[in-house]
Amino acid sequence: MMILELDYKIFVVFDKRYDLAAFRKVSKVVPGSYADELVERIYDCLFRYPRDVYDEYMKYYAIEYADFAMFLFWKYGIGKVTAVKIRDKTKNGGYIGYGRDSIGMFKDETFTAILNQILSKLGESPNENTD
């Protein structure tokens, strides 16, 4: 997993796209509880609100940029080493999201602790160092 902050926007990279049911199942929250609402907000920040960057690339930019890593470098200003890592994740079905509404949540310790616990239970790798 990678979570990057780019110009006050969030850029997330996961091994795959998860659904809300998977998040709820591994978090073991009681349906309708405050914890359940928090898990749903975390999910929304990662998967519902951000746009799918790879899908955007394939629809609009694949002709202009022959390589997804170069697209990430030029369009989003992501370092070349990190862009290659991200490109390689897409080959195995990885999910790349980009949004602006949730960056503040990633600075909250409770949010990040819950997120890390959920993703660990889903088998997602810890946040990778980036260039």
N, C-alpha and C. Protein backbone atom coordinates (compact mmCIF):
# COMPACT_ATOMS: atom_id res chain seq x y z
N MET A 1 0.85 -1.17 0.00
CA MET A 1 0.00 0.00 0.00
C MET A 1 0.89 1.22 0.00
N MET A 2 0.42 2.26 -0.64
CA MET A 2 1.07 3.57 -0.60
C MET A 2 -0.02 4.61 -0.40
N ILE A 3 0.24 5.54 0.48
CA ILE A 3 -0.64 6.68 0.65
C ILE A 3 0.25 7.91 0.54
N LEU A 4 0.02 8.70 -0.50
CA LEU A 4 0.83 9.87 -0.76
C LEU A 4 -0.03 11.12 -0.66
N GLU A 5 0.57 12.19 -0.16
CA GLU A 5 -0.10 13.48 -0.16
C GLU A 5 0.52 14.31 -1.28
N LEU A 6 -0.32 14.73 -2.22
CA LEU A 6 0.14 15.52 -3.36
C LEU A 6 -0.65 16.82 -3.40
N ASP A 7 -0.02 17.92 -3.09
CA ASP A 7 -0.68 19.23 -3.15
C ASP A 7 -2.02 19.22 -2.42
N TYR A 8 -2.01 18.75 -1.19
CA TYR A 8 -3.20 18.71 -0.35
C TYR A 8 -4.27 17.79 -0.89
N LYS A 9 -3.86 16.84 -1.68
CA LYS A 9 -4.78 15.82 -2.19
C LYS A 9 -4.20 14.46 -1.83
N ILE A 10 -5.04 13.46 -1.84
CA ILE A 10 -4.63 12.11 -1.43
C ILE A 10 -4.49 11.22 -2.66
N PHE A 11 -3.43 10.44 -2.66
CA PHE A 11 -3.15 9.48 -3.73
C PHE A 11 -2.93 8.15 -3.04
N VAL A 12 -3.79 7.17 -3.28
CA VAL A 12 -3.71 5.88 -2.59
C VAL A 12 -3.46 4.76 -3.60
N VAL A 13 -2.63 3.81 -3.17
CA VAL A 13 -2.31 2.66 -4.01
C VAL A 13 -2.46 1.41 -3.15
N PHE A 14 -3.32 0.50 -3.59
CA PHE A 14 -3.55 -0.75 -2.87
C PHE A 14 -3.34 -1.93 -3.80
N ASP A 15 -3.13 -3.08 -3.22
CA ASP A 15 -2.94 -4.29 -4.02
C ASP A 15 -4.17 -4.62 -4.85
N LYS A 16 -5.35 -4.24 -4.34
CA LYS A 16 -6.59 -4.44 -5.10
C LYS A 16 -7.65 -3.50 -4.56
N ARG A 17 -8.74 -3.43 -5.26
CA ARG A 17 -9.87 -2.62 -4.81
C ARG A 17 -10.73 -3.49 -3.90
N TYR A 18 -11.01 -3.02 -2.72
CA TYR A 18 -11.80 -3.77 -1.75
C TYR A 18 -13.23 -3.23 -1.75
N ASP A 19 -14.16 -4.06 -1.26
CA ASP A 19 -15.52 -3.56 -1.12
C ASP A 19 -15.80 -3.28 0.36
N LEU A 20 -16.87 -2.54 0.60
CA LEU A 20 -17.22 -2.12 1.96
C LEU A 20 -17.49 -3.33 2.85
N ALA A 21 -18.08 -4.37 2.29
CA ALA A 21 -18.38 -5.57 3.07
C ALA A 21 -17.10 -6.20 3.63
N ALA A 22 -16.04 -6.21 2.83
CA ALA A 22 -14.75 -6.76 3.30
C ALA A 22 -14.19 -5.92 4.45
N PHE A 23 -14.30 -4.59 4.32
CA PHE A 23 -13.83 -3.70 5.39
C PHE A 23 -14.59 -3.97 6.68
N ARG A 24 -15.91 -4.08 6.56
CA ARG A 24 -16.73 -4.31 7.75
C ARG A 24 -16.44 -5.68 8.37
N LYS A 25 -16.26 -6.67 7.54
CA LYS A 25 -16.04 -8.03 8.04
C LYS A 25 -14.75 -8.12 8.86
N VAL A 26 -13.66 -7.59 8.34
CA VAL A 26 -12.39 -7.71 9.08
C VAL A 26 -12.32 -6.78 10.28
N SER A 27 -13.10 -5.69 10.26
CA SER A 27 -13.08 -4.79 11.40
C SER A 27 -13.95 -5.29 12.55
N LYS A 28 -14.87 -6.20 12.23
CA LYS A 28 -15.75 -6.83 13.23
C LYS A 28 -16.58 -5.79 14.01
N VAL A 29 -17.04 -4.76 13.31
CA VAL A 29 -17.86 -3.75 13.95
C VAL A 29 -19.31 -4.18 14.00
N VAL A 30 -20.04 -3.63 14.93
CA VAL A 30 -21.47 -3.91 15.05
C VAL A 30 -22.20 -3.03 14.04
N PRO A 31 -23.02 -3.62 13.18
CA PRO A 31 -23.75 -2.83 12.19
C PRO A 31 -24.55 -1.70 12.85
N GLY A 32 -24.45 -0.50 12.26
CA GLY A 32 -25.18 0.65 12.77
C GLY A 32 -24.50 1.37 13.91
N SER A 33 -23.38 0.86 14.40
CA SER A 33 -22.67 1.49 15.51
C SER A 33 -21.81 2.65 15.03
N TYR A 34 -21.30 3.43 15.98
CA TYR A 34 -20.39 4.52 15.62
C TYR A 34 -19.16 3.96 14.92
N ALA A 35 -18.65 2.85 15.40
CA ALA A 35 -17.47 2.23 14.78
C ALA A 35 -17.76 1.82 13.34
N ASP A 36 -18.97 1.32 13.11
CA ASP A 36 -19.37 0.94 11.76
C ASP A 36 -19.39 2.17 10.84
N GLU A 37 -19.89 3.28 11.35
CA GLU A 37 -19.91 4.52 10.57
C GLU A 37 -18.49 5.00 10.28
N LEU A 38 -17.61 4.86 11.24
CA LEU A 38 -16.22 5.26 11.04
C LEU A 38 -15.54 4.41 9.97
N VAL A 39 -15.78 3.11 10.02
CA VAL A 39 -15.22 2.21 9.01
C VAL A 39 -15.76 2.58 7.63
N GLU A 40 -17.04 2.92 7.55
CA GLU A 40 -17.61 3.31 6.26
C GLU A 40 -16.99 4.62 5.76
N ARG A 41 -16.76 5.57 6.66
CA ARG A 41 -16.12 6.84 6.25
C ARG A 41 -14.70 6.59 5.75
N ILE A 42 -13.98 5.71 6.42
CA ILE A 42 -12.63 5.38 5.98
C ILE A 42 -12.69 4.75 4.59
N TYR A 43 -13.59 3.82 4.41
CA TYR A 43 -13.76 3.18 3.10
C TYR A 43 -14.08 4.22 2.03
N ASP A 44 -15.02 5.10 2.32
CA ASP A 44 -15.41 6.12 1.34
C ASP A 44 -14.23 7.00 0.93
N CYS A 45 -13.41 7.36 1.90
CA CYS A 45 -12.24 8.21 1.60
C CYS A 45 -11.25 7.52 0.68
N LEU A 46 -11.20 6.22 0.73
CA LEU A 46 -10.22 5.47 -0.05
C LEU A 46 -10.76 4.98 -1.39
N PHE A 47 -12.02 4.57 -1.41
CA PHE A 47 -12.52 3.88 -2.60
C PHE A 47 -13.74 4.53 -3.27
N ARG A 48 -14.56 5.23 -2.54
CA ARG A 48 -15.77 5.78 -3.14
C ARG A 48 -15.53 7.18 -3.72
N TYR A 49 -14.85 8.04 -2.99
CA TYR A 49 -14.67 9.42 -3.44
C TYR A 49 -13.52 9.63 -4.41
N PRO A 50 -12.37 9.02 -4.19
CA PRO A 50 -11.27 9.25 -5.16
C PRO A 50 -11.61 8.67 -6.53
N ARG A 51 -11.05 9.29 -7.55
CA ARG A 51 -11.24 8.74 -8.88
C ARG A 51 -10.19 7.67 -9.14
N ASP A 52 -10.53 6.71 -9.94
CA ASP A 52 -9.64 5.60 -10.26
C ASP A 52 -8.64 6.09 -11.31
N VAL A 53 -7.39 6.22 -10.90
CA VAL A 53 -6.36 6.81 -11.75
C VAL A 53 -6.03 5.92 -12.95
N TYR A 54 -5.97 4.62 -12.74
CA TYR A 54 -5.66 3.73 -13.86
C TYR A 54 -6.78 3.75 -14.90
N ASP A 55 -8.01 3.75 -14.44
CA ASP A 55 -9.15 3.83 -15.33
C ASP A 55 -9.10 5.14 -16.13
N GLU A 56 -8.79 6.23 -15.44
CA GLU A 56 -8.64 7.53 -16.11
C GLU A 56 -7.55 7.47 -17.18
N TYR A 57 -6.43 6.86 -16.84
CA TYR A 57 -5.33 6.71 -17.80
C TYR A 57 -5.78 5.94 -19.04
N MET A 58 -6.44 4.80 -18.83
CA MET A 58 -6.85 3.96 -19.95
C MET A 58 -7.88 4.68 -20.83
N LYS A 59 -8.79 5.43 -20.23
CA LYS A 59 -9.84 6.11 -21.01
C LYS A 59 -9.32 7.32 -21.78
N TYR A 60 -8.45 8.10 -21.13
CA TYR A 60 -8.13 9.41 -21.69
C TYR A 60 -6.67 9.64 -22.07
N TYR A 61 -5.74 8.92 -21.46
CA TYR A 61 -4.33 9.27 -21.62
C TYR A 61 -3.43 8.19 -22.20
N ALA A 62 -3.92 7.00 -22.40
CA ALA A 62 -3.09 5.89 -22.88
C ALA A 62 -2.48 6.17 -24.25
N ILE A 63 -3.18 6.92 -25.06
CA ILE A 63 -2.65 7.26 -26.38
C ILE A 63 -1.51 8.27 -26.24
N GLU A 64 -1.66 9.20 -25.33
CA GLU A 64 -0.65 10.25 -25.14
C GLU A 64 0.59 9.73 -24.42
N TYR A 65 0.38 8.87 -23.42
CA TYR A 65 1.48 8.30 -22.63
C TYR A 65 1.49 6.80 -22.85
N ALA A 66 2.52 6.29 -23.48
CA ALA A 66 2.61 4.86 -23.78
C ALA A 66 2.82 4.03 -22.52
N ASP A 67 3.27 4.66 -21.45
CA ASP A 67 3.57 3.94 -20.22
C ASP A 67 2.86 4.60 -19.05
N PHE A 68 2.18 3.80 -18.22
CA PHE A 68 1.45 4.33 -17.07
C PHE A 68 2.37 5.05 -16.10
N ALA A 69 3.59 4.56 -15.91
CA ALA A 69 4.54 5.20 -15.00
C ALA A 69 4.87 6.62 -15.47
N MET A 70 5.04 6.79 -16.77
CA MET A 70 5.33 8.13 -17.30
C MET A 70 4.12 9.05 -17.12
N PHE A 71 2.94 8.51 -17.28
CA PHE A 71 1.72 9.28 -17.03
C PHE A 71 1.71 9.77 -15.58
N LEU A 72 2.01 8.89 -14.62
CA LEU A 72 2.03 9.28 -13.21
C LEU A 72 3.07 10.36 -12.95
N PHE A 73 4.21 10.22 -13.58
CA PHE A 73 5.29 11.19 -13.42
C PHE A 73 4.88 12.56 -13.95
N TRP A 74 4.38 12.62 -15.18
CA TRP A 74 4.07 13.90 -15.80
C TRP A 74 2.76 14.51 -15.33
N LYS A 75 1.73 13.71 -15.13
CA LYS A 75 0.41 14.25 -14.75
C LYS A 75 0.33 14.57 -13.26
N TYR A 76 0.93 13.70 -12.42
CA TYR A 76 0.79 13.87 -10.98
C TYR A 76 2.08 14.26 -10.27
N GLY A 77 3.19 14.28 -10.98
CA GLY A 77 4.45 14.67 -10.36
C GLY A 77 5.00 13.63 -9.41
N ILE A 78 4.68 12.39 -9.62
CA ILE A 78 5.16 11.30 -8.76
C ILE A 78 6.55 10.91 -9.24
N GLY A 79 7.48 10.72 -8.30
CA GLY A 79 8.84 10.34 -8.64
C GLY A 79 8.88 9.09 -9.51
N LYS A 80 9.92 8.99 -10.33
CA LYS A 80 10.00 7.89 -11.29
C LYS A 80 10.04 6.52 -10.63
N VAL A 81 10.79 6.38 -9.54
CA VAL A 81 10.89 5.08 -8.86
C VAL A 81 9.52 4.68 -8.30
N THR A 82 8.85 5.62 -7.67
CA THR A 82 7.52 5.35 -7.12
C THR A 82 6.52 5.08 -8.23
N ALA A 83 6.61 5.82 -9.32
CA ALA A 83 5.70 5.60 -10.45
C ALA A 83 5.84 4.20 -11.02
N VAL A 84 7.05 3.70 -11.08
CA VAL A 84 7.28 2.34 -11.57
C VAL A 84 6.67 1.32 -10.60
N LYS A 85 6.84 1.54 -9.29
CA LYS A 85 6.24 0.65 -8.29
C LYS A 85 4.72 0.62 -8.45
N ILE A 86 4.15 1.80 -8.64
CA ILE A 86 2.70 1.88 -8.80
C ILE A 86 2.27 1.18 -10.08
N ARG A 87 2.97 1.42 -11.16
CA ARG A 87 2.65 0.76 -12.44
C ARG A 87 2.66 -0.76 -12.27
N ASP A 88 3.66 -1.27 -11.56
CA ASP A 88 3.76 -2.72 -11.37
C ASP A 88 2.59 -3.27 -10.58
N LYS A 89 2.04 -2.49 -9.64
CA LYS A 89 0.88 -2.95 -8.89
C LYS A 89 -0.36 -3.08 -9.78
N THR A 90 -0.47 -2.23 -10.79
CA THR A 90 -1.64 -2.31 -11.67
C THR A 90 -1.62 -3.58 -12.50
N LYS A 91 -0.46 -4.14 -12.73
CA LYS A 91 -0.37 -5.37 -13.50
C LYS A 91 -1.02 -6.54 -12.78
N ASN A 92 -1.11 -6.45 -11.45
CA ASN A 92 -1.72 -7.51 -10.65
C ASN A 92 -3.09 -7.10 -10.11
N GLY A 93 -3.71 -6.10 -10.74
CA GLY A 93 -5.05 -5.69 -10.32
C GLY A 93 -5.09 -4.65 -9.23
N GLY A 94 -4.00 -3.94 -9.03
CA GLY A 94 -3.95 -2.92 -7.99
C GLY A 94 -4.93 -1.78 -8.23
N TYR A 95 -5.25 -1.08 -7.16
CA TYR A 95 -6.17 0.06 -7.22
C TYR A 95 -5.40 1.33 -6.91
N ILE A 96 -5.57 2.35 -7.74
CA ILE A 96 -4.94 3.64 -7.53
C ILE A 96 -6.05 4.68 -7.53
N GLY A 97 -6.18 5.40 -6.42
CA GLY A 97 -7.21 6.42 -6.31
C GLY A 97 -6.61 7.78 -6.03
N TYR A 98 -7.30 8.83 -6.47
CA TYR A 98 -6.84 10.20 -6.29
C TYR A 98 -8.03 11.07 -5.94
N GLY A 99 -7.95 11.76 -4.81
CA GLY A 99 -9.05 12.62 -4.40
C GLY A 99 -8.57 13.76 -3.55
N ARG A 100 -9.47 14.69 -3.28
CA ARG A 100 -9.07 15.87 -2.52
C ARG A 100 -9.82 16.06 -1.21
N ASP A 101 -10.89 15.34 -1.02
CA ASP A 101 -11.76 15.62 0.11
C ASP A 101 -11.33 15.01 1.43
N SER A 102 -10.42 14.07 1.43
CA SER A 102 -10.17 13.30 2.64
C SER A 102 -8.78 13.46 3.24
N ILE A 103 -7.97 14.34 2.75
CA ILE A 103 -6.59 14.42 3.20
C ILE A 103 -6.48 14.67 4.71
N GLY A 104 -7.37 15.44 5.28
CA GLY A 104 -7.32 15.73 6.71
C GLY A 104 -7.47 14.49 7.57
N MET A 105 -8.26 13.54 7.11
CA MET A 105 -8.47 12.32 7.90
C MET A 105 -7.19 11.53 8.05
N PHE A 106 -6.29 11.59 7.09
CA PHE A 106 -5.07 10.80 7.15
C PHE A 106 -4.07 11.36 8.15
N LYS A 107 -4.34 12.52 8.69
CA LYS A 107 -3.48 13.10 9.72
C LYS A 107 -3.97 12.72 11.12
N ASP A 108 -5.14 12.11 11.20
CA ASP A 108 -5.73 11.71 12.47
C ASP A 108 -5.19 10.34 12.88
N GLU A 109 -4.65 10.23 14.09
CA GLU A 109 -4.04 8.98 14.55
C GLU A 109 -5.05 7.84 14.66
N THR A 110 -6.26 8.14 15.10
CA THR A 110 -7.29 7.09 15.22
C THR A 110 -7.62 6.54 13.84
N PHE A 111 -7.82 7.42 12.90
CA PHE A 111 -8.11 7.02 11.52
C PHE A 111 -7.02 6.11 10.98
N THR A 112 -5.76 6.54 11.10
CA THR A 112 -4.68 5.74 10.53
C THR A 112 -4.49 4.42 11.26
N ALA A 113 -4.72 4.40 12.57
CA ALA A 113 -4.59 3.14 13.31
C ALA A 113 -5.66 2.14 12.85
N ILE A 114 -6.89 2.60 12.71
CA ILE A 114 -7.98 1.72 12.25
C ILE A 114 -7.71 1.26 10.82
N LEU A 115 -7.31 2.20 9.96
CA LEU A 115 -7.01 1.85 8.58
C LEU A 115 -5.91 0.81 8.50
N ASN A 116 -4.82 1.02 9.21
CA ASN A 116 -3.71 0.06 9.18
C ASN A 116 -4.14 -1.32 9.68
N GLN A 117 -4.98 -1.35 10.70
CA GLN A 117 -5.46 -2.63 11.24
C GLN A 117 -6.34 -3.35 10.19
N ILE A 118 -7.24 -2.63 9.58
CA ILE A 118 -8.12 -3.22 8.57
C ILE A 118 -7.31 -3.76 7.40
N LEU A 119 -6.41 -2.92 6.88
CA LEU A 119 -5.63 -3.32 5.72
C LEU A 119 -4.70 -4.49 6.03
N SER A 120 -4.18 -4.53 7.24
CA SER A 120 -3.34 -5.65 7.64
C SER A 120 -4.14 -6.95 7.63
N LYS A 121 -5.37 -6.90 8.14
CA LYS A 121 -6.22 -8.08 8.15
C LYS A 121 -6.65 -8.51 6.75
N LEU A 122 -6.69 -7.55 5.84
CA LEU A 122 -7.02 -7.87 4.45
C LEU A 122 -5.81 -8.41 3.69
N GLY A 123 -4.63 -8.36 4.33
CA GLY A 123 -3.41 -8.86 3.70
C GLY A 123 -2.66 -7.82 2.91
N GLU A 124 -3.03 -6.56 3.06
CA GLU A 124 -2.36 -5.47 2.34
C GLU A 124 -1.01 -5.20 2.99
N SER A 125 -0.03 -4.91 2.18
CA SER A 125 1.31 -4.63 2.69
C SER A 125 1.32 -3.27 3.41
N PRO A 126 2.27 -3.08 4.35
CA PRO A 126 2.37 -1.78 5.03
C PRO A 126 2.73 -0.68 4.05
N ASN A 127 2.54 0.57 4.48
CA ASN A 127 2.85 1.71 3.62
C ASN A 127 4.30 1.67 3.18
N GLU A 128 4.53 1.72 1.88
CA GLU A 128 5.88 1.64 1.32
C GLU A 128 6.54 3.00 1.32
N ASN A 129 7.87 3.00 1.48
CA ASN A 129 8.62 4.23 1.33
C ASN A 129 8.59 4.66 -0.12
N THR A 130 8.55 5.94 -0.35
CA THR A 130 8.52 6.45 -1.72
C THR A 130 9.63 7.44 -1.91
N ASP A 131 9.94 7.71 -3.20
CA ASP A 131 11.01 8.68 -3.48
C ASP A 131 10.48 10.09 -3.59
